[in-house]
Amino acid sequence: MTATFWLIVSAMTLCVLGLLLRPLLQRPSAATNEQEKTLPVYRQQFSELDQDRANGLLTEEQYRTARSELERRVLEETGAPEAHAAVAAGFVNLRFVALSLAMIIPAASGVLYWTLGNPAAMTHPAVSAAASQGGSGEMADSLNQLIEQLRAKLEQNPNDGVGWGLLARSYMAMERYADAVPIFEKATKLDPNNASLLADYADALGVHQGRKLDGKPETLIQKALKLDPHNVKALMLSGTIAYNRKDFARAAKEWEDAHTYLPPDDQESSDQLKASIVEAKRRLGGGPSMNMLVANPPMEQTKPAKPAAQSGQSRAITGKVVLGSNLASKASLPDTLFVFAKDVAGPPMPVSIVRASKKDLPFTFRLDDSTSPMPSRKLSDIDTVVIVARLSKSGKAMPESGDLEGMSQPIKPGTENVTVVIDRERP
């Protein structure tokens, strides 16, 4: 991601410099064009003077006077040598300005980004999230104002299905699911054959009714898949329904289809789906799985929703990751560190994840709803999780042979000061 970011920044900078410097580096052409139009006229007049003198129409004195006047007019029109020197000097000055801009703009941009931006966001999403929380109150107020302005405009144009869909997704992004559900209902009535809209509606409705996808959410998901069998979100939700019902074969199939149609640049979702497919197939084959580490029974779909007071930041998990003494002397350690929480009685996809680097060890982490990869599966709504810390050789969240990892005991969201020791190498 870092290389892509700098490639995009460099391309944008070059485009801006090109637009600014091109007019400065072009030689003035207006005067030259005017001279090209004027000089043939004066040549014709000089020729006519010579013909008049030859034909005896002008005396020698009249000829010299007329020629002198014509020469004076030519000098006035085309400019004296001093004028050309001034033009050349002006062009040199413009080249100096262009060179100065070419150096100042990239340097100033880099200084401003490093001072006012957040360079750590490229490699440390957890740092980015923490930094963004400082102004989250003002940001939320501004977004809510914009959302309400959009709603007011849509009230004046109630048949705008696209606008209602945008408003519903905005409410969902702000985690205002109770507001999003009726707006999704309105949008889907205006645009009933939009598979993406139906999948988002199912997701929001499932969250609103206690993280349960039974009933209307499932109906919406199946309708979305009939309209678009390749819709990634609908396939992921359908796989989650199958997994919760212990239909692991169908869950693996749905998630494999979702992975097939996933955009190639969505590496995070790709890794999560791969891990989920491996876990579903492992459960299908009866092999050991993460869920067998605890004696708690699997979570039922009829389980009541968590009280609102216990959700969100109050159920954050904090702690640190340390490298075990048996691995401290290892000559070469993988560079990328993933720390994530997994539901011990549900689908294997992480419910909260942060990324860091081996140089950050010992790494202090915080997992909460802001680091949950999917809106419909938040850390605050899970009963029991385990915290996994993995040093990845490939830089991907999908586990591979040779990765170093450690795992906590099953804990409840809201637990603080958890210590996870990376003490083993994956076979």
Protein backbone atom coordinates (compact mmCIF):
# COMPACT_ATOMS: atom_id res chain seq x y z
CA MET A 1 0.00 0.00 0.00
CA THR A 2 2.88 2.38 0.78
CA ALA A 3 4.37 2.02 -2.72
CA THR A 4 0.98 2.55 -4.35
CA PHE A 5 0.36 5.64 -2.23
CA TRP A 6 3.65 7.26 -3.19
CA LEU A 7 3.16 6.32 -6.84
CA ILE A 8 -0.21 8.08 -6.87
CA VAL A 9 1.19 11.12 -5.03
CA SER A 10 4.10 11.38 -7.47
CA ALA A 11 1.81 11.14 -10.50
CA MET A 12 -0.50 13.84 -9.12
CA THR A 13 2.46 16.11 -8.34
CA LEU A 14 3.86 15.70 -11.86
CA CYS A 15 0.47 16.50 -13.38
CA VAL A 16 0.19 19.70 -11.32
CA LEU A 17 3.73 20.73 -12.21
CA GLY A 18 3.04 20.07 -15.89
CA LEU A 19 -0.03 22.29 -15.87
CA LEU A 20 1.84 25.10 -14.08
CA LEU A 21 5.17 24.97 -15.89
CA ARG A 22 4.07 24.44 -19.49
CA PRO A 23 2.91 28.04 -20.11
CA LEU A 24 6.00 29.40 -18.32
CA LEU A 25 8.42 27.45 -20.51
CA GLN A 26 6.80 28.32 -23.85
CA ARG A 27 8.46 31.16 -25.79
CA PRO A 28 6.26 34.20 -26.49
CA SER A 29 4.87 33.81 -29.98
CA ALA A 30 2.39 36.69 -30.33
CA ALA A 31 5.01 39.24 -31.45
CA THR A 32 6.53 36.81 -33.93
CA ASN A 33 3.16 36.07 -35.49
CA GLU A 34 2.43 39.78 -35.81
CA GLN A 35 5.77 40.38 -37.52
CA GLU A 36 5.11 37.57 -39.97
CA LYS A 37 1.90 39.32 -40.98
CA THR A 38 3.43 42.83 -41.18
CA LEU A 39 6.76 42.33 -42.96
CA PRO A 40 5.33 41.12 -46.33
CA VAL A 41 3.28 44.35 -46.50
CA TYR A 42 6.35 46.48 -46.00
CA ARG A 43 8.31 44.48 -48.55
CA GLN A 44 5.56 45.18 -51.07
CA GLN A 45 5.72 48.90 -50.26
CA PHE A 46 9.52 48.98 -50.70
CA SER A 47 9.10 47.27 -54.06
CA GLU A 48 6.48 49.80 -55.14
CA LEU A 49 8.82 52.68 -54.18
CA ASP A 50 11.59 51.22 -56.34
CA GLN A 51 9.18 50.83 -59.27
CA ASP A 52 7.92 54.44 -58.91
CA ARG A 53 11.48 55.78 -58.95
CA ALA A 54 12.35 53.63 -61.97
CA ASN A 55 9.26 54.85 -63.83
CA GLY A 56 10.12 58.48 -63.05
CA LEU A 57 7.12 59.04 -60.81
CA LEU A 58 9.39 59.99 -57.88
CA THR A 59 12.45 62.19 -57.82
CA GLU A 60 15.52 60.92 -56.00
CA GLU A 61 14.85 63.21 -53.05
CA GLN A 62 11.20 62.10 -52.83
CA TYR A 63 12.30 58.48 -53.04
CA ARG A 64 14.82 58.85 -50.16
CA THR A 65 12.29 60.68 -47.99
CA ALA A 66 9.60 58.07 -48.59
CA ARG A 67 12.03 55.21 -48.01
CA SER A 68 13.29 56.75 -44.75
CA GLU A 69 9.71 57.12 -43.51
CA LEU A 70 8.94 53.54 -44.46
CA GLU A 71 12.06 52.25 -42.69
CA ARG A 72 11.09 54.21 -39.55
CA ARG A 73 7.64 52.62 -39.58
CA VAL A 74 9.17 49.14 -40.01
CA LEU A 75 11.38 49.68 -36.93
CA GLU A 76 8.39 50.89 -34.88
CA GLU A 77 6.26 47.93 -35.90
CA THR A 78 8.81 45.15 -35.48
CA GLY A 79 10.71 46.52 -32.44
CA ALA A 80 14.27 47.59 -31.92
CA PRO A 81 17.09 45.25 -30.86
CA GLU A 82 16.63 46.46 -27.29
CA ALA A 83 13.05 45.20 -27.36
CA HIS A 84 14.18 41.75 -28.46
CA ALA A 85 16.72 41.72 -25.65
CA ALA A 86 13.98 42.57 -23.16
CA VAL A 87 11.84 39.71 -24.46
CA ALA A 88 14.76 37.31 -24.15
CA ALA A 89 15.46 38.50 -20.61
CA GLY A 90 11.78 38.01 -19.75
CA PHE A 91 11.92 34.44 -21.02
CA VAL A 92 15.01 33.77 -18.89
CA ASN A 93 13.13 35.09 -15.85
CA LEU A 94 10.17 32.81 -16.60
CA ARG A 95 12.51 29.83 -16.78
CA PHE A 96 13.88 30.78 -13.36
CA VAL A 97 10.33 30.98 -11.98
CA ALA A 98 9.49 27.58 -13.50
CA LEU A 99 12.61 25.99 -11.99
CA SER A 100 11.80 27.47 -8.59
CA LEU A 101 8.24 26.14 -8.68
CA ALA A 102 9.48 22.69 -9.71
CA MET A 103 11.53 22.54 -6.52
CA ILE A 104 9.26 24.39 -4.11
CA ILE A 105 5.93 22.63 -4.80
CA PRO A 106 7.04 19.01 -4.08
CA ALA A 107 9.10 20.12 -1.07
CA ALA A 108 6.28 22.21 0.40
CA SER A 109 3.75 19.42 -0.21
CA GLY A 110 5.93 16.88 1.57
CA VAL A 111 6.50 19.19 4.56
CA LEU A 112 2.78 19.98 4.85
CA TYR A 113 1.78 16.30 4.66
CA TRP A 114 4.38 15.28 7.20
CA THR A 115 3.29 18.10 9.52
CA LEU A 116 -0.50 18.09 9.10
CA GLY A 117 -1.14 14.61 7.68
CA ASN A 118 -0.88 11.16 9.19
CA PRO A 119 1.98 9.20 7.58
CA ALA A 120 1.56 6.37 10.09
CA ALA A 121 -1.84 5.56 8.59
CA MET A 122 -0.14 3.80 5.65
CA THR A 123 1.52 1.17 7.77
CA HIS A 124 -0.21 1.38 11.14
CA PRO A 125 -4.00 1.48 10.83
CA ALA A 126 -4.38 1.32 14.59
CA VAL A 127 -2.41 4.54 14.93
CA SER A 128 -4.57 6.09 12.24
CA ALA A 129 -7.75 5.13 14.04
CA ALA A 130 -6.48 6.47 17.33
CA ALA A 131 -5.42 9.74 15.70
CA SER A 132 -8.77 10.16 14.03
CA GLN A 133 -10.64 9.75 17.31
CA GLY A 134 -9.34 13.08 18.54
CA GLY A 135 -11.60 15.03 16.19
CA SER A 136 -14.33 12.43 15.90
CA GLY A 137 -16.89 14.56 17.74
CA GLU A 138 -16.62 17.53 15.41
CA MET A 139 -16.41 15.24 12.38
CA ALA A 140 -19.54 13.36 13.44
CA ASP A 141 -21.45 16.62 13.96
CA SER A 142 -20.45 17.86 10.50
CA LEU A 143 -21.40 14.57 8.84
CA ASN A 144 -24.74 14.48 10.63
CA GLN A 145 -25.49 18.00 9.41
CA LEU A 146 -24.68 17.01 5.82
CA ILE A 147 -26.82 13.89 6.13
CA GLU A 148 -29.78 15.87 7.41
CA GLN A 149 -29.35 18.39 4.59
CA LEU A 150 -29.45 15.50 2.12
CA ARG A 151 -32.59 14.16 3.78
CA ALA A 152 -34.27 17.58 3.55
CA LYS A 153 -33.53 17.74 -0.18
CA LEU A 154 -34.87 14.22 -0.69
CA GLU A 155 -38.09 15.13 1.10
CA GLN A 156 -38.60 17.65 -1.71
CA ASN A 157 -37.81 14.98 -4.32
CA PRO A 158 -39.24 11.76 -2.82
CA ASN A 159 -38.90 9.67 -6.00
CA ASP A 160 -35.09 9.84 -6.10
CA GLY A 161 -34.23 6.18 -5.42
CA VAL A 162 -30.50 6.75 -5.82
CA GLY A 163 -30.58 9.60 -3.31
CA TRP A 164 -32.50 7.56 -0.73
CA GLY A 165 -30.02 4.72 -1.14
CA LEU A 166 -27.13 7.15 -0.55
CA LEU A 167 -28.86 8.49 2.57
CA ALA A 168 -29.46 4.97 3.93
CA ARG A 169 -25.81 4.00 3.42
CA SER A 170 -24.75 7.26 5.11
CA TYR A 171 -26.82 6.40 8.17
CA MET A 172 -25.30 2.93 8.14
CA ALA A 173 -21.76 4.33 7.96
CA MET A 174 -22.58 6.48 11.00
CA GLU A 175 -23.90 3.34 12.75
CA ARG A 176 -27.37 4.88 12.93
CA TYR A 177 -28.99 1.57 11.99
CA ALA A 178 -32.42 2.46 13.39
CA ASP A 179 -32.49 5.45 11.01
CA ALA A 180 -31.01 3.47 8.12
CA VAL A 181 -33.61 0.66 8.09
CA PRO A 182 -36.73 2.72 7.11
CA ILE A 183 -34.68 4.64 4.53
CA PHE A 184 -33.46 1.38 3.00
CA GLU A 185 -37.11 0.26 2.89
CA LYS A 186 -38.05 3.40 0.94
CA ALA A 187 -35.04 3.10 -1.38
CA THR A 188 -35.69 -0.56 -2.24
CA LYS A 189 -39.32 0.22 -3.09
CA LEU A 190 -38.10 2.83 -5.58
CA ASP A 191 -35.27 0.59 -6.87
CA PRO A 192 -36.40 -3.00 -6.19
CA ASN A 193 -33.94 -4.70 -8.55
CA ASN A 194 -30.73 -3.25 -7.11
CA ALA A 195 -28.85 -6.24 -5.65
CA SER A 196 -26.24 -4.14 -3.84
CA LEU A 197 -28.94 -2.04 -2.20
CA LEU A 198 -30.81 -5.17 -1.06
CA ALA A 199 -27.62 -6.66 0.42
CA ASP A 200 -26.88 -3.45 2.32
CA TYR A 201 -30.49 -3.36 3.54
CA ALA A 202 -30.16 -6.95 4.81
CA ASP A 203 -26.92 -6.07 6.61
CA ALA A 204 -28.41 -3.00 8.31
CA LEU A 205 -31.60 -4.84 9.26
CA GLY A 206 -29.61 -7.76 10.67
CA VAL A 207 -27.58 -5.41 12.87
CA HIS A 208 -30.70 -3.54 13.96
CA GLN A 209 -32.50 -6.70 15.07
CA GLY A 210 -29.68 -7.97 17.26
CA ARG A 211 -27.11 -9.26 14.75
CA LYS A 212 -29.59 -11.87 13.50
CA LEU A 213 -29.98 -12.57 9.78
CA ASP A 214 -33.00 -14.87 10.07
CA GLY A 215 -36.30 -13.76 8.62
CA LYS A 216 -36.48 -10.68 6.42
CA PRO A 217 -32.68 -10.18 6.14
CA GLU A 218 -32.32 -13.70 4.74
CA THR A 219 -35.17 -13.05 2.29
CA LEU A 220 -33.46 -9.87 1.11
CA ILE A 221 -30.14 -11.72 0.72
CA GLN A 222 -31.71 -14.46 -1.40
CA LYS A 223 -33.47 -11.88 -3.57
CA ALA A 224 -30.16 -10.05 -4.07
CA LEU A 225 -28.48 -13.29 -5.13
CA LYS A 226 -31.25 -14.03 -7.63
CA LEU A 227 -30.71 -10.61 -9.18
CA ASP A 228 -26.92 -10.84 -9.03
CA PRO A 229 -25.40 -14.25 -8.17
CA HIS A 230 -21.97 -12.58 -8.04
CA ASN A 231 -22.80 -9.97 -5.39
CA VAL A 232 -19.96 -10.30 -2.89
CA LYS A 233 -21.73 -8.90 0.17
CA ALA A 234 -24.82 -11.05 -0.35
CA LEU A 235 -22.62 -14.15 -0.72
CA MET A 236 -20.69 -13.33 2.44
CA LEU A 237 -23.90 -12.83 4.44
CA SER A 238 -25.42 -15.99 3.01
CA GLY A 239 -22.30 -17.92 4.02
CA THR A 240 -22.56 -16.52 7.54
CA ILE A 241 -26.17 -17.74 7.79
CA ALA A 242 -25.10 -21.21 6.65
CA TYR A 243 -22.18 -21.30 9.10
CA ASN A 244 -24.40 -20.31 12.05
CA ARG A 245 -26.70 -23.19 11.09
CA LYS A 246 -23.69 -25.54 10.99
CA ASP A 247 -24.12 -26.06 7.26
CA PHE A 248 -20.35 -25.80 6.77
CA ALA A 249 -20.34 -27.16 3.21
CA ARG A 250 -22.68 -24.42 2.04
CA ALA A 251 -20.81 -21.78 4.05
CA ALA A 252 -17.52 -22.75 2.39
CA LYS A 253 -19.16 -22.72 -1.04
CA GLU A 254 -20.74 -19.27 -0.52
CA TRP A 255 -17.48 -17.80 0.78
CA GLU A 256 -15.47 -19.34 -2.07
CA ASP A 257 -17.87 -17.74 -4.56
CA ALA A 258 -17.56 -14.42 -2.74
CA HIS A 259 -13.77 -14.66 -2.90
CA THR A 260 -13.93 -15.40 -6.65
CA TYR A 261 -15.84 -12.19 -7.36
CA LEU A 262 -13.98 -10.02 -4.85
CA PRO A 263 -12.22 -6.97 -6.36
CA PRO A 264 -8.52 -7.81 -6.84
CA ASP A 265 -7.33 -4.85 -4.72
CA ASP A 266 -9.36 -5.80 -1.62
CA GLN A 267 -6.59 -7.80 0.03
CA GLU A 268 -7.97 -7.52 3.56
CA SER A 269 -11.33 -9.06 2.65
CA SER A 270 -9.53 -11.68 0.59
CA ASP A 271 -7.46 -12.78 3.58
CA GLN A 272 -10.51 -12.88 5.84
CA LEU A 273 -12.48 -14.97 3.38
CA LYS A 274 -9.60 -17.41 2.90
CA ALA A 275 -9.34 -17.90 6.65
CA SER A 276 -13.10 -18.39 6.90
CA ILE A 277 -13.11 -20.97 4.09
CA VAL A 278 -10.31 -22.93 5.77
CA GLU A 279 -12.20 -22.93 9.08
CA ALA A 280 -15.51 -23.98 7.48
CA LYS A 281 -13.82 -26.87 5.67
CA ARG A 282 -12.04 -27.87 8.85
CA ARG A 283 -15.36 -27.95 10.71
CA LEU A 284 -16.89 -29.91 7.84
CA GLY A 285 -14.15 -32.53 8.12
CA GLY A 286 -14.49 -32.78 11.90
CA GLY A 287 -10.94 -31.63 12.56
CA PRO A 288 -9.84 -29.39 15.44
CA SER A 289 -10.99 -25.80 15.27
CA MET A 290 -10.82 -22.65 17.30
CA ASN A 291 -14.33 -23.24 18.63
CA MET A 292 -13.27 -26.50 20.33
CA LEU A 293 -10.92 -24.64 22.64
CA VAL A 294 -13.77 -23.65 24.96
CA ALA A 295 -16.59 -25.55 26.54
CA ASN A 296 -19.22 -22.90 25.77
CA PRO A 297 -21.93 -24.11 23.38
CA PRO A 298 -22.22 -22.43 19.93
CA MET A 299 -24.12 -19.16 19.87
CA GLU A 300 -27.71 -19.61 18.76
CA GLN A 301 -29.44 -17.28 16.37
CA THR A 302 -32.24 -16.73 18.91
CA LYS A 303 -29.82 -15.26 21.42
CA PRO A 304 -31.02 -11.86 22.69
CA ALA A 305 -29.20 -8.75 21.58
CA LYS A 306 -26.71 -7.11 23.91
CA PRO A 307 -27.86 -4.07 25.87
CA ALA A 308 -26.86 -0.86 24.18
CA ALA A 309 -25.02 0.33 27.27
CA GLN A 310 -22.52 -2.52 26.95
CA SER A 311 -21.67 -2.03 23.29
CA GLY A 312 -19.01 -0.01 21.54
CA GLN A 313 -15.97 1.46 23.25
CA SER A 314 -16.92 0.18 26.73
CA ARG A 315 -16.33 -3.39 25.50
CA ALA A 316 -12.88 -2.68 24.05
CA ILE A 317 -10.05 -5.14 24.70
CA THR A 318 -6.63 -3.74 25.55
CA GLY A 319 -3.31 -5.38 26.17
CA LYS A 320 0.15 -6.01 24.78
CA VAL A 321 1.90 -8.50 22.52
CA VAL A 322 5.37 -9.74 23.46
CA LEU A 323 7.81 -12.08 21.76
CA GLY A 324 8.48 -15.30 23.64
CA SER A 325 11.97 -15.97 24.96
CA ASN A 326 12.21 -19.12 22.81
CA LEU A 327 11.88 -17.01 19.65
CA ALA A 328 13.83 -13.93 20.75
CA SER A 329 17.08 -15.33 19.39
CA LYS A 330 15.59 -16.23 16.01
CA ALA A 331 17.85 -14.77 13.33
CA SER A 332 15.13 -13.50 11.00
CA LEU A 333 11.67 -12.49 12.13
CA PRO A 334 8.73 -11.72 9.81
CA ASP A 335 8.03 -8.00 9.65
CA THR A 336 4.22 -7.75 9.62
CA LEU A 337 2.27 -8.16 12.88
CA PHE A 338 -1.47 -8.86 12.98
CA VAL A 339 -3.43 -8.74 16.24
CA PHE A 340 -7.08 -9.78 16.01
CA ALA A 341 -10.02 -11.07 17.99
CA LYS A 342 -11.96 -14.16 16.86
CA ASP A 343 -15.36 -15.30 18.05
CA VAL A 344 -14.85 -18.72 19.64
CA ALA A 345 -18.44 -19.73 18.94
CA GLY A 346 -19.10 -18.32 15.50
CA PRO A 347 -17.69 -17.74 12.01
CA PRO A 348 -13.88 -17.67 11.95
CA MET A 349 -13.56 -14.22 10.39
CA PRO A 350 -11.92 -11.67 12.76
CA VAL A 351 -14.35 -9.39 14.54
CA SER A 352 -11.64 -6.79 15.19
CA ILE A 353 -8.11 -6.49 13.80
CA VAL A 354 -5.13 -4.13 13.84
CA ARG A 355 -1.83 -4.26 11.99
CA ALA A 356 1.64 -3.25 13.14
CA SER A 357 5.29 -4.23 12.59
CA LYS A 358 7.85 -6.37 14.42
CA LYS A 359 9.75 -3.23 15.38
CA ASP A 360 6.72 -2.21 17.45
CA LEU A 361 7.14 -5.23 19.76
CA PRO A 362 6.27 -5.21 22.59
CA PHE A 363 3.11 -3.85 20.95
CA THR A 364 0.29 -2.24 22.94
CA PHE A 365 -3.04 -2.86 21.22
CA ARG A 366 -6.65 -1.81 21.54
CA LEU A 367 -9.42 -3.71 19.79
CA ASP A 368 -12.92 -2.24 19.64
CA ASP A 369 -15.79 -1.65 17.21
CA SER A 370 -13.80 0.94 15.27
CA THR A 371 -11.40 -1.80 14.13
CA SER A 372 -14.13 -4.30 13.19
CA PRO A 373 -13.83 -5.18 9.48
CA MET A 374 -17.59 -5.70 8.91
CA PRO A 375 -20.51 -3.59 10.25
CA SER A 376 -22.64 -6.67 10.86
CA ARG A 377 -20.03 -8.35 13.10
CA LYS A 378 -18.82 -6.05 15.86
CA LEU A 379 -16.61 -6.98 18.79
CA SER A 380 -19.09 -5.48 21.26
CA ASP A 381 -21.74 -8.04 20.30
CA ILE A 382 -19.61 -11.16 20.80
CA ASP A 383 -19.72 -13.20 24.03
CA THR A 384 -16.28 -14.80 24.09
CA VAL A 385 -13.21 -14.25 21.94
CA VAL A 386 -9.57 -15.23 21.76
CA ILE A 387 -6.84 -12.75 20.84
CA VAL A 388 -4.39 -13.98 18.22
CA ALA A 389 -1.06 -12.29 17.49
CA ARG A 390 0.72 -13.38 14.33
CA LEU A 391 4.01 -12.33 12.74
CA SER A 392 3.31 -12.99 9.07
CA LYS A 393 6.04 -13.90 6.58
CA SER A 394 3.90 -12.95 3.58
CA GLY A 395 2.44 -9.76 5.06
CA LYS A 396 -1.06 -11.23 4.69
CA ALA A 397 -3.56 -12.03 7.42
CA MET A 398 -4.06 -15.54 6.00
CA PRO A 399 -1.93 -17.94 8.13
CA GLU A 400 0.94 -19.68 6.39
CA SER A 401 3.62 -22.18 7.32
CA GLY A 402 6.50 -20.48 9.10
CA ASP A 403 4.40 -17.68 10.63
CA LEU A 404 5.02 -17.01 14.33
CA GLU A 405 1.97 -16.66 16.53
CA GLY A 406 0.52 -16.74 19.99
CA MET A 407 -2.98 -16.86 21.43
CA SER A 408 -4.74 -15.75 24.58
CA GLN A 409 -7.15 -17.73 26.69
CA PRO A 410 -10.87 -17.15 25.89
CA ILE A 411 -11.88 -13.76 27.28
CA LYS A 412 -14.86 -11.43 27.34
CA PRO A 413 -14.97 -8.13 25.41
CA GLY A 414 -14.16 -5.35 27.83
CA THR A 415 -11.17 -7.20 29.30
CA GLU A 416 -8.09 -5.03 29.87
CA ASN A 417 -4.36 -5.66 30.18
CA VAL A 418 -4.35 -8.91 28.19
CA THR A 419 -0.89 -10.29 27.44
CA VAL A 420 -0.39 -12.36 24.29
CA VAL A 421 2.95 -14.17 23.95
CA ILE A 422 4.16 -15.09 20.45
CA ASP A 423 5.74 -18.42 21.32
CA ARG A 424 5.30 -20.87 18.47
CA GLU A 425 5.96 -21.33 14.76
CA ARG A 426 3.24 -22.64 12.48
CA PRO A 427 4.17 -25.97 10.85
